[in-house]
Amino acid sequence: MINLSWELLFAVGAALLGAAIIFGLVRYYRRDRRNDAVTEAATREEYLHPDRYERSEDQYRDKARPT
């Protein structure tokens, strides 16, 4: 009997990696693009003014639409 454990492990790993990539692509293309402007503004605020962002974080969260 031929030992195929490594070959089977590689095939299963490749299948899992492919499934993860497909899952990520589907999530990326089905995202709500209306939130992009809000998240960009929040990120910019967090990097430029981290002390002020702590107070305004809830405002940005309220502007974002739930997905």
N, C-alpha and C. Protein backbone atom coordinates (compact mmCIF):
# COMPACT_ATOMS: atom_id res chain seq x y z
N MET A 1 0.84 -1.19 0.00
CA MET A 1 0.00 0.00 0.00
C MET A 1 0.88 1.25 0.00
N ILE A 2 0.53 2.21 -0.80
CA ILE A 2 1.30 3.43 -0.94
C ILE A 2 0.87 4.43 0.14
N ASN A 3 1.84 5.05 0.77
CA ASN A 3 1.56 6.04 1.80
C ASN A 3 1.31 7.40 1.14
N LEU A 4 0.08 7.85 1.15
CA LEU A 4 -0.31 9.10 0.50
C LEU A 4 -0.64 10.20 1.50
N SER A 5 -0.15 10.09 2.72
CA SER A 5 -0.55 11.05 3.74
C SER A 5 -0.09 12.48 3.41
N TRP A 6 1.16 12.65 2.94
CA TRP A 6 1.63 13.99 2.61
C TRP A 6 0.91 14.56 1.39
N GLU A 7 0.70 13.74 0.40
CA GLU A 7 0.00 14.21 -0.79
C GLU A 7 -1.44 14.62 -0.45
N LEU A 8 -2.09 13.85 0.39
CA LEU A 8 -3.45 14.17 0.82
C LEU A 8 -3.45 15.45 1.64
N LEU A 9 -2.45 15.61 2.50
CA LEU A 9 -2.35 16.82 3.32
C LEU A 9 -2.16 18.05 2.43
N PHE A 10 -1.33 17.97 1.42
CA PHE A 10 -1.13 19.09 0.50
C PHE A 10 -2.42 19.44 -0.24
N ALA A 11 -3.14 18.43 -0.69
CA ALA A 11 -4.40 18.67 -1.41
C ALA A 11 -5.43 19.33 -0.50
N VAL A 12 -5.54 18.86 0.73
CA VAL A 12 -6.49 19.45 1.67
C VAL A 12 -6.08 20.88 2.00
N GLY A 13 -4.79 21.11 2.18
CA GLY A 13 -4.31 22.46 2.47
C GLY A 13 -4.57 23.42 1.31
N ALA A 14 -4.36 22.96 0.10
CA ALA A 14 -4.63 23.80 -1.07
C ALA A 14 -6.12 24.10 -1.19
N ALA A 15 -6.95 23.12 -0.90
CA ALA A 15 -8.40 23.34 -0.95
C ALA A 15 -8.84 24.34 0.11
N LEU A 16 -8.28 24.24 1.31
CA LEU A 16 -8.62 25.20 2.37
C LEU A 16 -8.14 26.60 2.03
N LEU A 17 -6.96 26.71 1.48
CA LEU A 17 -6.44 28.01 1.07
C LEU A 17 -7.32 28.61 -0.04
N GLY A 18 -7.71 27.81 -1.00
CA GLY A 18 -8.59 28.29 -2.06
C GLY A 18 -9.94 28.74 -1.52
N ALA A 19 -10.49 27.98 -0.57
CA ALA A 19 -11.77 28.36 0.03
C ALA A 19 -11.64 29.67 0.80
N ALA A 20 -10.52 29.87 1.50
CA ALA A 20 -10.31 31.11 2.25
C ALA A 20 -10.19 32.30 1.31
N ILE A 21 -9.50 32.13 0.20
CA ILE A 21 -9.36 33.21 -0.77
C ILE A 21 -10.71 33.56 -1.39
N ILE A 22 -11.48 32.56 -1.75
CA ILE A 22 -12.81 32.81 -2.32
C ILE A 22 -13.71 33.50 -1.30
N PHE A 23 -13.66 33.06 -0.05
CA PHE A 23 -14.45 33.69 1.00
C PHE A 23 -14.08 35.16 1.15
N GLY A 24 -12.78 35.48 1.15
CA GLY A 24 -12.33 36.86 1.26
C GLY A 24 -12.77 37.71 0.09
N LEU A 25 -12.69 37.17 -1.10
CA LEU A 25 -13.11 37.92 -2.28
C LEU A 25 -14.61 38.20 -2.27
N VAL A 26 -15.39 37.22 -1.87
CA VAL A 26 -16.85 37.42 -1.80
C VAL A 26 -17.18 38.48 -0.77
N ARG A 27 -16.53 38.43 0.40
CA ARG A 27 -16.78 39.44 1.43
C ARG A 27 -16.38 40.84 0.95
N TYR A 28 -15.26 40.92 0.22
CA TYR A 28 -14.78 42.22 -0.26
C TYR A 28 -15.74 42.82 -1.27
N TYR A 29 -16.21 42.04 -2.22
CA TYR A 29 -17.07 42.58 -3.27
C TYR A 29 -18.51 42.79 -2.82
N ARG A 30 -18.92 42.20 -1.71
CA ARG A 30 -20.28 42.39 -1.22
C ARG A 30 -20.36 43.41 -0.09
N ARG A 31 -19.25 44.11 0.20
CA ARG A 31 -19.25 45.09 1.28
C ARG A 31 -20.10 46.29 0.91
N ASP A 32 -20.49 47.07 1.89
CA ASP A 32 -21.27 48.27 1.67
C ASP A 32 -20.30 49.42 1.37
N ARG A 33 -20.20 49.82 0.14
CA ARG A 33 -19.24 50.83 -0.27
C ARG A 33 -19.59 52.22 0.25
N ARG A 34 -20.81 52.40 0.73
CA ARG A 34 -21.19 53.69 1.29
C ARG A 34 -20.43 53.98 2.58
N ASN A 35 -19.92 52.94 3.23
CA ASN A 35 -19.16 53.12 4.46
C ASN A 35 -17.71 53.48 4.20
N ASP A 36 -17.24 53.39 2.98
CA ASP A 36 -15.83 53.65 2.69
C ASP A 36 -15.41 55.06 3.08
N ALA A 37 -16.23 56.05 2.78
CA ALA A 37 -15.88 57.43 3.12
C ALA A 37 -15.82 57.62 4.64
N VAL A 38 -16.74 57.01 5.36
CA VAL A 38 -16.76 57.14 6.82
C VAL A 38 -15.54 56.48 7.43
N THR A 39 -15.19 55.29 6.96
CA THR A 39 -14.04 54.60 7.54
C THR A 39 -12.74 55.31 7.18
N GLU A 40 -12.65 55.89 5.98
CA GLU A 40 -11.45 56.65 5.62
C GLU A 40 -11.31 57.89 6.51
N ALA A 41 -12.41 58.59 6.76
CA ALA A 41 -12.36 59.77 7.62
C ALA A 41 -12.00 59.38 9.05
N ALA A 42 -12.54 58.29 9.54
CA ALA A 42 -12.22 57.84 10.90
C ALA A 42 -10.76 57.43 11.02
N THR A 43 -10.24 56.75 10.03
CA THR A 43 -8.83 56.35 10.05
C THR A 43 -7.92 57.56 10.00
N ARG A 44 -8.24 58.52 9.15
CA ARG A 44 -7.44 59.74 9.05
C ARG A 44 -7.45 60.48 10.39
N GLU A 45 -8.62 60.58 11.01
CA GLU A 45 -8.75 61.26 12.30
C GLU A 45 -7.95 60.53 13.38
N GLU A 46 -8.00 59.21 13.36
CA GLU A 46 -7.29 58.43 14.38
C GLU A 46 -5.78 58.61 14.26
N TYR A 47 -5.24 58.68 13.06
CA TYR A 47 -3.80 58.83 12.88
C TYR A 47 -3.33 60.26 13.11
N LEU A 48 -4.11 61.24 12.67
CA LEU A 48 -3.69 62.63 12.81
C LEU A 48 -3.91 63.18 14.22
N HIS A 49 -5.03 62.80 14.85
CA HIS A 49 -5.38 63.32 16.17
C HIS A 49 -5.88 62.19 17.07
N PRO A 50 -5.00 61.35 17.57
CA PRO A 50 -5.45 60.20 18.36
C PRO A 50 -6.18 60.59 19.65
N ASP A 51 -5.79 61.70 20.26
CA ASP A 51 -6.47 62.11 21.49
C ASP A 51 -7.89 62.58 21.21
N ARG A 52 -8.08 63.28 20.10
CA ARG A 52 -9.43 63.75 19.75
C ARG A 52 -10.30 62.61 19.24
N TYR A 53 -9.68 61.60 18.61
CA TYR A 53 -10.44 60.48 18.06
C TYR A 53 -11.15 59.68 19.14
N GLU A 54 -10.54 59.56 20.30
CA GLU A 54 -11.17 58.81 21.40
C GLU A 54 -12.52 59.41 21.76
N ARG A 55 -12.65 60.72 21.66
CA ARG A 55 -13.92 61.37 21.98
C ARG A 55 -14.92 61.29 20.83
N SER A 56 -14.44 61.22 19.59
CA SER A 56 -15.34 61.25 18.44
C SER A 56 -15.55 59.87 17.80
N GLU A 57 -15.02 58.83 18.40
CA GLU A 57 -15.14 57.49 17.81
C GLU A 57 -16.60 57.05 17.68
N ASP A 58 -17.41 57.35 18.68
CA ASP A 58 -18.82 56.96 18.63
C ASP A 58 -19.57 57.66 17.49
N GLN A 59 -19.19 58.89 17.18
CA GLN A 59 -19.84 59.61 16.09
C GLN A 59 -19.60 58.92 14.75
N TYR A 60 -18.36 58.46 14.55
CA TYR A 60 -18.05 57.75 13.31
C TYR A 60 -18.78 56.40 13.27
N ARG A 61 -18.86 55.75 14.41
CA ARG A 61 -19.53 54.45 14.45
C ARG A 61 -21.02 54.60 14.15
N ASP A 62 -21.63 55.70 14.59
CA ASP A 62 -23.05 55.93 14.32
C ASP A 62 -23.30 56.23 12.84
N LYS A 63 -22.33 56.88 12.17
CA LYS A 63 -22.48 57.19 10.75
C LYS A 63 -22.38 55.96 9.85
N ALA A 64 -21.63 54.97 10.29
CA ALA A 64 -21.43 53.77 9.48
C ALA A 64 -22.71 52.94 9.48
N ARG A 65 -23.05 52.41 8.31
CA ARG A 65 -24.24 51.58 8.18
C ARG A 65 -23.89 50.14 8.55
N PRO A 66 -24.76 49.47 9.28
CA PRO A 66 -24.45 48.07 9.63
C PRO A 66 -24.45 47.19 8.40
N THR A 67 -23.55 46.21 8.41
CA THR A 67 -23.46 45.31 7.28
C THR A 67 -24.08 43.98 7.60
